[in-house]
Amino acid sequence: MKSTISMKGKEIIENAFHDYNNIRPHSTLDYYSPLQFLEKWNSDGSFREHYRNFLKNLKDGYRRRRNNYYRRSRMNIS
């Protein structure tokens, strides 16, 4: 009984990893699944340029939010 439960648990975990690494869309991949992203990356030069711009905008947004956070934290609130 114990080995049956652990085998089912192992299968569930393996399926979850497969789903996450191959099927599930990721926000940092512009909401493509890893397999879709890789296929588009290898076959479409304009997609590569689009994605590089997407990453640049994403990083710029993180940088702006981080700078705003530090600027607010340095304000004297008394």
PDB file of N, CA and C in Angstrom:
ATOM      1  N   MET A   1       0.824  -1.195   0.000  1.00  0.00           N
ATOM      2  CA  MET A   1       0.000   0.000   0.000  1.00  0.00           C
ATOM      3  C   MET A   1       0.868   1.259   0.000  1.00  0.00           C
ATOM      4  N   LYS A   2       1.888   1.264   0.848  1.00  0.00           N
ATOM      5  CA  LYS A   2       2.735   2.446   0.957  1.00  0.00           C
ATOM      6  C   LYS A   2       3.448   2.747  -0.363  1.00  0.00           C
ATOM      7  N   SER A   3       3.953   1.729  -1.045  1.00  0.00           N
ATOM      8  CA  SER A   3       4.669   1.963  -2.304  1.00  0.00           C
ATOM      9  C   SER A   3       3.725   2.451  -3.402  1.00  0.00           C
ATOM     10  N   THR A   4       2.452   2.024  -3.364  1.00  0.00           N
ATOM     11  CA  THR A   4       1.470   2.471  -4.344  1.00  0.00           C
ATOM     12  C   THR A   4       1.206   3.966  -4.180  1.00  0.00           C
ATOM     13  N   ILE A   5       1.107   4.409  -2.950  1.00  0.00           N
ATOM     14  CA  ILE A   5       0.862   5.826  -2.689  1.00  0.00           C
ATOM     15  C   ILE A   5       2.063   6.646  -3.129  1.00  0.00           C
ATOM     16  N   SER A   6       3.260   6.190  -2.828  1.00  0.00           N
ATOM     17  CA  SER A   6       4.439   6.965  -3.205  1.00  0.00           C
ATOM     18  C   SER A   6       4.621   6.970  -4.721  1.00  0.00           C
ATOM     19  N   MET A   7       4.238   5.905  -5.403  1.00  0.00           N
ATOM     20  CA  MET A   7       4.333   5.875  -6.863  1.00  0.00           C
ATOM     21  C   MET A   7       3.328   6.858  -7.477  1.00  0.00           C
ATOM     22  N   LYS A   8       2.127   6.934  -6.893  1.00  0.00           N
ATOM     23  CA  LYS A   8       1.135   7.889  -7.389  1.00  0.00           C
ATOM     24  C   LYS A   8       1.618   9.314  -7.151  1.00  0.00           C
ATOM     25  N   GLY A   9       2.197   9.566  -5.998  1.00  0.00           N
ATOM     26  CA  GLY A   9       2.728  10.892  -5.697  1.00  0.00           C
ATOM     27  C   GLY A   9       3.850  11.267  -6.650  1.00  0.00           C
ATOM     28  N   LYS A  10       4.728  10.299  -6.925  1.00  0.00           N
ATOM     29  CA  LYS A  10       5.839  10.546  -7.849  1.00  0.00           C
ATOM     30  C   LYS A  10       5.304  10.869  -9.247  1.00  0.00           C
ATOM     31  N   GLU A  11       4.286  10.146  -9.676  1.00  0.00           N
ATOM     32  CA  GLU A  11       3.689  10.380 -10.996  1.00  0.00           C
ATOM     33  C   GLU A  11       3.036  11.758 -11.068  1.00  0.00           C
ATOM     34  N   ILE A  12       2.351  12.152 -10.001  1.00  0.00           N
ATOM     35  CA  ILE A  12       1.707  13.465  -9.965  1.00  0.00           C
ATOM     36  C   ILE A  12       2.755  14.575 -10.049  1.00  0.00           C
ATOM     37  N   ILE A  13       3.841  14.419  -9.307  1.00  0.00           N
ATOM     38  CA  ILE A  13       4.907  15.428  -9.321  1.00  0.00           C
ATOM     39  C   ILE A  13       5.573  15.488 -10.689  1.00  0.00           C
ATOM     40  N   GLU A  14       5.854  14.340 -11.290  1.00  0.00           N
ATOM     41  CA  GLU A  14       6.458  14.325 -12.626  1.00  0.00           C
ATOM     42  C   GLU A  14       5.553  15.000 -13.650  1.00  0.00           C
ATOM     43  N   ASN A  15       4.244  14.740 -13.562  1.00  0.00           N
ATOM     44  CA  ASN A  15       3.296  15.387 -14.476  1.00  0.00           C
ATOM     45  C   ASN A  15       3.258  16.898 -14.275  1.00  0.00           C
ATOM     46  N   ALA A  16       3.333  17.332 -13.019  1.00  0.00           N
ATOM     47  CA  ALA A  16       3.334  18.770 -12.737  1.00  0.00           C
ATOM     48  C   ALA A  16       4.580  19.431 -13.310  1.00  0.00           C
ATOM     49  N   PHE A  17       5.742  18.808 -13.150  1.00  0.00           N
ATOM     50  CA  PHE A  17       6.979  19.352 -13.717  1.00  0.00           C
ATOM     51  C   PHE A  17       6.906  19.407 -15.242  1.00  0.00           C
ATOM     52  N   HIS A  18       6.379  18.354 -15.850  1.00  0.00           N
ATOM     53  CA  HIS A  18       6.250  18.328 -17.309  1.00  0.00           C
ATOM     54  C   HIS A  18       5.326  19.451 -17.778  1.00  0.00           C
ATOM     55  N   ASP A  19       4.208  19.599 -17.106  1.00  0.00           N
ATOM     56  CA  ASP A  19       3.256  20.648 -17.469  1.00  0.00           C
ATOM     57  C   ASP A  19       3.906  22.021 -17.354  1.00  0.00           C
ATOM     58  N   TYR A  20       4.601  22.282 -16.250  1.00  0.00           N
ATOM     59  CA  TYR A  20       5.212  23.592 -16.033  1.00  0.00           C
ATOM     60  C   TYR A  20       6.315  23.866 -17.050  1.00  0.00           C
ATOM     61  N   ASN A  21       7.150  22.887 -17.329  1.00  0.00           N
ATOM     62  CA  ASN A  21       8.312  23.089 -18.192  1.00  0.00           C
ATOM     63  C   ASN A  21       8.004  23.007 -19.684  1.00  0.00           C
ATOM     64  N   ASN A  22       6.840  22.527 -20.066  1.00  0.00           N
ATOM     65  CA  ASN A  22       6.559  22.332 -21.485  1.00  0.00           C
ATOM     66  C   ASN A  22       5.246  22.936 -21.969  1.00  0.00           C
ATOM     67  N   ILE A  23       4.229  22.977 -21.133  1.00  0.00           N
ATOM     68  CA  ILE A  23       2.889  23.319 -21.605  1.00  0.00           C
ATOM     69  C   ILE A  23       2.391  24.656 -21.071  1.00  0.00           C
ATOM     70  N   ARG A  24       2.612  24.924 -19.808  1.00  0.00           N
ATOM     71  CA  ARG A  24       2.054  26.110 -19.151  1.00  0.00           C
ATOM     72  C   ARG A  24       2.666  27.398 -19.699  1.00  0.00           C
ATOM     73  N   PRO A  25       1.830  28.405 -20.045  1.00  0.00           N
ATOM     74  CA  PRO A  25       2.369  29.699 -20.490  1.00  0.00           C
ATOM     75  C   PRO A  25       3.106  30.403 -19.348  1.00  0.00           C
ATOM     76  N   HIS A  26       4.158  31.116 -19.698  1.00  0.00           N
ATOM     77  CA  HIS A  26       4.952  31.852 -18.715  1.00  0.00           C
ATOM     78  C   HIS A  26       4.923  33.334 -19.056  1.00  0.00           C
ATOM     79  N   SER A  27       4.756  34.172 -18.058  1.00  0.00           N
ATOM     80  CA  SER A  27       4.678  35.612 -18.304  1.00  0.00           C
ATOM     81  C   SER A  27       5.985  36.147 -18.875  1.00  0.00           C
ATOM     82  N   THR A  28       7.129  35.640 -18.442  1.00  0.00           N
ATOM     83  CA  THR A  28       8.401  36.140 -18.972  1.00  0.00           C
ATOM     84  C   THR A  28       8.684  35.637 -20.376  1.00  0.00           C
ATOM     85  N   LEU A  29       7.897  34.707 -20.855  1.00  0.00           N
ATOM     86  CA  LEU A  29       8.015  34.255 -22.247  1.00  0.00           C
ATOM     87  C   LEU A  29       6.895  34.868 -23.082  1.00  0.00           C
ATOM     88  N   ASP A  30       6.400  36.015 -22.655  1.00  0.00           N
ATOM     89  CA  ASP A  30       5.324  36.720 -23.351  1.00  0.00           C
ATOM     90  C   ASP A  30       4.077  35.838 -23.461  1.00  0.00           C
ATOM     91  N   TYR A  31       3.830  35.060 -22.427  1.00  0.00           N
ATOM     92  CA  TYR A  31       2.681  34.162 -22.305  1.00  0.00           C
ATOM     93  C   TYR A  31       2.638  33.062 -23.362  1.00  0.00           C
ATOM     94  N   TYR A  32       3.804  32.622 -23.789  1.00  0.00           N
ATOM     95  CA  TYR A  32       3.924  31.413 -24.603  1.00  0.00           C
ATOM     96  C   TYR A  32       4.357  30.283 -23.684  1.00  0.00           C
ATOM     97  N   SER A  33       4.001  29.055 -24.051  1.00  0.00           N
ATOM     98  CA  SER A  33       4.549  27.918 -23.324  1.00  0.00           C
ATOM     99  C   SER A  33       6.012  27.781 -23.754  1.00  0.00           C
ATOM    100  N   PRO A  34       6.853  27.148 -22.941  1.00  0.00           N
ATOM    101  CA  PRO A  34       8.254  27.000 -23.338  1.00  0.00           C
ATOM    102  C   PRO A  34       8.435  26.328 -24.697  1.00  0.00           C
ATOM    103  N   LEU A  35       7.623  25.334 -25.009  1.00  0.00           N
ATOM    104  CA  LEU A  35       7.749  24.675 -26.310  1.00  0.00           C
ATOM    105  C   LEU A  35       7.341  25.597 -27.455  1.00  0.00           C
ATOM    106  N   GLN A  36       6.253  26.340 -27.282  1.00  0.00           N
ATOM    107  CA  GLN A  36       5.832  27.294 -28.306  1.00  0.00           C
ATOM    108  C   GLN A  36       6.887  28.377 -28.495  1.00  0.00           C
ATOM    109  N   PHE A  37       7.424  28.863 -27.372  1.00  0.00           N
ATOM    110  CA  PHE A  37       8.425  29.913 -27.432  1.00  0.00           C
ATOM    111  C   PHE A  37       9.660  29.447 -28.191  1.00  0.00           C
ATOM    112  N   LEU A  38      10.153  28.272 -27.869  1.00  0.00           N
ATOM    113  CA  LEU A  38      11.343  27.744 -28.533  1.00  0.00           C
ATOM    114  C   LEU A  38      11.112  27.575 -30.030  1.00  0.00           C
ATOM    115  N   GLU A  39       9.941  27.082 -30.396  1.00  0.00           N
ATOM    116  CA  GLU A  39       9.615  26.900 -31.810  1.00  0.00           C
ATOM    117  C   GLU A  39       9.596  28.251 -32.539  1.00  0.00           C
ATOM    118  N   LYS A  40       8.948  29.256 -31.945  1.00  0.00           N
ATOM    119  CA  LYS A  40       8.898  30.579 -32.571  1.00  0.00           C
ATOM    120  C   LYS A  40      10.285  31.221 -32.606  1.00  0.00           C
ATOM    121  N   TRP A  41      11.059  31.069 -31.525  1.00  0.00           N
ATOM    122  CA  TRP A  41      12.403  31.654 -31.450  1.00  0.00           C
ATOM    123  C   TRP A  41      13.293  31.111 -32.567  1.00  0.00           C
ATOM    124  N   ASN A  42      13.223  29.806 -32.789  1.00  0.00           N
ATOM    125  CA  ASN A  42      14.082  29.181 -33.795  1.00  0.00           C
ATOM    126  C   ASN A  42      13.637  29.451 -35.226  1.00  0.00           C
ATOM    127  N   SER A  43      12.385  29.793 -35.435  1.00  0.00           N
ATOM    128  CA  SER A  43      11.886  29.903 -36.805  1.00  0.00           C
ATOM    129  C   SER A  43      11.563  31.325 -37.262  1.00  0.00           C
ATOM    130  N   ASP A  44      11.544  32.294 -36.358  1.00  0.00           N
ATOM    131  CA  ASP A  44      11.038  33.624 -36.722  1.00  0.00           C
ATOM    132  C   ASP A  44      11.942  34.725 -36.177  1.00  0.00           C
ATOM    133  N   GLY A  45      12.713  35.353 -37.060  1.00  0.00           N
ATOM    134  CA  GLY A  45      13.614  36.420 -36.659  1.00  0.00           C
ATOM    135  C   GLY A  45      12.898  37.635 -36.104  1.00  0.00           C
ATOM    136  N   SER A  46      11.733  37.964 -36.650  1.00  0.00           N
ATOM    137  CA  SER A  46      10.990  39.122 -36.135  1.00  0.00           C
ATOM    138  C   SER A  46      10.484  38.852 -34.720  1.00  0.00           C
ATOM    139  N   PHE A  47      10.170  37.590 -34.423  1.00  0.00           N
ATOM    140  CA  PHE A  47       9.761  37.243 -33.065  1.00  0.00           C
ATOM    141  C   PHE A  47      10.912  37.461 -32.095  1.00  0.00           C
ATOM    142  N   ARG A  48      12.127  37.099 -32.485  1.00  0.00           N
ATOM    143  CA  ARG A  48      13.285  37.311 -31.611  1.00  0.00           C
ATOM    144  C   ARG A  48      13.447  38.792 -31.287  1.00  0.00           C
ATOM    145  N   GLU A  49      13.292  39.638 -32.294  1.00  0.00           N
ATOM    146  CA  GLU A  49      13.395  41.086 -32.070  1.00  0.00           C
ATOM    147  C   GLU A  49      12.263  41.573 -31.164  1.00  0.00           C
ATOM    148  N   HIS A  50      11.045  41.090 -31.414  1.00  0.00           N
ATOM    149  CA  HIS A  50       9.893  41.438 -30.575  1.00  0.00           C
ATOM    150  C   HIS A  50      10.164  41.040 -29.130  1.00  0.00           C
ATOM    151  N   TYR A  51      10.698  39.852 -28.912  1.00  0.00           N
ATOM    152  CA  TYR A  51      10.931  39.383 -27.553  1.00  0.00           C
ATOM    153  C   TYR A  51      12.048  40.177 -26.874  1.00  0.00           C
ATOM    154  N   ARG A  52      13.076  40.531 -27.607  1.00  0.00           N
ATOM    155  CA  ARG A  52      14.146  41.350 -27.015  1.00  0.00           C
ATOM    156  C   ARG A  52      13.576  42.694 -26.544  1.00  0.00           C
ATOM    157  N   ASN A  53      12.688  43.299 -27.342  1.00  0.00           N
ATOM    158  CA  ASN A  53      12.032  44.546 -26.927  1.00  0.00           C
ATOM    159  C   ASN A  53      11.126  44.322 -25.726  1.00  0.00           C
ATOM    160  N   PHE A  54      10.406  43.202 -25.724  1.00  0.00           N
ATOM    161  CA  PHE A  54       9.544  42.850 -24.596  1.00  0.00           C
ATOM    162  C   PHE A  54      10.366  42.758 -23.316  1.00  0.00           C
ATOM    163  N   LEU A  55      11.513  42.082 -23.364  1.00  0.00           N
ATOM    164  CA  LEU A  55      12.371  41.959 -22.187  1.00  0.00           C
ATOM    165  C   LEU A  55      12.909  43.310 -21.737  1.00  0.00           C
ATOM    166  N   LYS A  56      13.299  44.135 -22.684  1.00  0.00           N
ATOM    167  CA  LYS A  56      13.816  45.458 -22.341  1.00  0.00           C
ATOM    168  C   LYS A  56      12.750  46.267 -21.614  1.00  0.00           C
ATOM    169  N   ASN A  57      11.523  46.257 -22.123  1.00  0.00           N
ATOM    170  CA  ASN A  57      10.430  46.976 -21.466  1.00  0.00           C
ATOM    171  C   ASN A  57      10.138  46.403 -20.083  1.00  0.00           C
ATOM    172  N   LEU A  58      10.195  45.094 -19.951  1.00  0.00           N
ATOM    173  CA  LEU A  58       9.964  44.448 -18.668  1.00  0.00           C
ATOM    174  C   LEU A  58      11.033  44.872 -17.660  1.00  0.00           C
ATOM    175  N   LYS A  59      12.296  44.849 -18.082  1.00  0.00           N
ATOM    176  CA  LYS A  59      13.387  45.253 -17.188  1.00  0.00           C
ATOM    177  C   LYS A  59      13.285  46.726 -16.832  1.00  0.00           C
ATOM    178  N   ASP A  60      12.925  47.572 -17.803  1.00  0.00           N
ATOM    179  CA  ASP A  60      12.765  48.998 -17.522  1.00  0.00           C
ATOM    180  C   ASP A  60      11.665  49.231 -16.491  1.00  0.00           C
ATOM    181  N   GLY A  61      10.579  48.479 -16.596  1.00  0.00           N
ATOM    182  CA  GLY A  61       9.488  48.595 -15.623  1.00  0.00           C
ATOM    183  C   GLY A  61       9.932  48.191 -14.234  1.00  0.00           C
ATOM    184  N   TYR A  62      10.687  47.093 -14.125  1.00  0.00           N
ATOM    185  CA  TYR A  62      11.212  46.672 -12.823  1.00  0.00           C
ATOM    186  C   TYR A  62      12.134  47.749 -12.257  1.00  0.00           C
ATOM    187  N   ARG A  63      12.984  48.300 -13.115  1.00  0.00           N
ATOM    188  CA  ARG A  63      13.935  49.319 -12.676  1.00  0.00           C
ATOM    189  C   ARG A  63      13.186  50.563 -12.176  1.00  0.00           C
ATOM    190  N   ARG A  64      12.151  50.997 -12.906  1.00  0.00           N
ATOM    191  CA  ARG A  64      11.383  52.168 -12.474  1.00  0.00           C
ATOM    192  C   ARG A  64      10.692  51.922 -11.139  1.00  0.00           C
ATOM    193  N   ARG A  65      10.096  50.747 -10.978  1.00  0.00           N
ATOM    194  CA  ARG A  65       9.425  50.439  -9.709  1.00  0.00           C
ATOM    195  C   ARG A  65      10.420  50.400  -8.563  1.00  0.00           C
ATOM    196  N   ARG A  66      11.588  49.801  -8.800  1.00  0.00           N
ATOM    197  CA  ARG A  66      12.600  49.717  -7.753  1.00  0.00           C
ATOM    198  C   ARG A  66      13.078  51.117  -7.375  1.00  0.00           C
ATOM    199  N   ASN A  67      13.346  51.957  -8.364  1.00  0.00           N
ATOM    200  CA  ASN A  67      13.793  53.322  -8.076  1.00  0.00           C
ATOM    201  C   ASN A  67      12.728  54.108  -7.323  1.00  0.00           C
ATOM    202  N   ASN A  68      11.471  53.959  -7.693  1.00  0.00           N
ATOM    203  CA  ASN A  68      10.392  54.651  -6.986  1.00  0.00           C
ATOM    204  C   ASN A  68      10.285  54.176  -5.548  1.00  0.00           C
ATOM    205  N   TYR A  69      10.481  52.883  -5.322  1.00  0.00           N
ATOM    206  CA  TYR A  69      10.424  52.344  -3.965  1.00  0.00           C
ATOM    207  C   TYR A  69      11.523  52.963  -3.113  1.00  0.00           C
ATOM    208  N   TYR A  70      12.758  52.990  -3.630  1.00  0.00           N
ATOM    209  CA  TYR A  70      13.864  53.546  -2.856  1.00  0.00           C
ATOM    210  C   TYR A  70      13.701  55.048  -2.648  1.00  0.00           C
ATOM    211  N   ARG A  71      13.178  55.752  -3.636  1.00  0.00           N
ATOM    212  CA  ARG A  71      12.948  57.190  -3.492  1.00  0.00           C
ATOM    213  C   ARG A  71      11.927  57.452  -2.387  1.00  0.00           C
ATOM    214  N   ARG A  72      10.850  56.672  -2.362  1.00  0.00           N
ATOM    215  CA  ARG A  72       9.823  56.845  -1.315  1.00  0.00           C
ATOM    216  C   ARG A  72      10.392  56.502   0.045  1.00  0.00           C
ATOM    217  N   SER A  73      11.243  55.466   0.121  1.00  0.00           N
ATOM    218  CA  SER A  73      11.762  55.047   1.424  1.00  0.00           C
ATOM    219  C   SER A  73      12.756  56.057   1.994  1.00  0.00           C
ATOM    220  N   ARG A  74      13.341  56.903   1.127  1.00  0.00           N
ATOM    221  CA  ARG A  74      14.291  57.909   1.601  1.00  0.00           C
ATOM    222  C   ARG A  74      13.596  59.203   2.015  1.00  0.00           C
ATOM    223  N   MET A  75      12.312  59.327   1.690  1.00  0.00           N
ATOM    224  CA  MET A  75      11.581  60.537   2.073  1.00  0.00           C
ATOM    225  C   MET A  75      11.457  60.596   3.589  1.00  0.00           C
ATOM    226  N   ASN A  76      11.537  61.815   4.117  1.00  0.00           N
ATOM    227  CA  ASN A  76      11.375  62.021   5.558  1.00  0.00           C
ATOM    228  C   ASN A  76       9.885  62.161   5.846  1.00  0.00           C
ATOM    229  N   ILE A  77       9.324  61.145   6.457  1.00  0.00           N
ATOM    230  CA  ILE A  77       7.882  61.156   6.758  1.00  0.00           C
ATOM    231  C   ILE A  77       7.729  61.358   8.250  1.00  0.00           C
ATOM    232  N   SER A  78       7.709  62.625   8.677  1.00  0.00           N
ATOM    233  CA  SER A  78       7.543  62.906  10.105  1.00  0.00           C
ATOM    234  C   SER A  78       6.538  64.000  10.329  1.00  0.00           C
TER     235      SER A  78
END
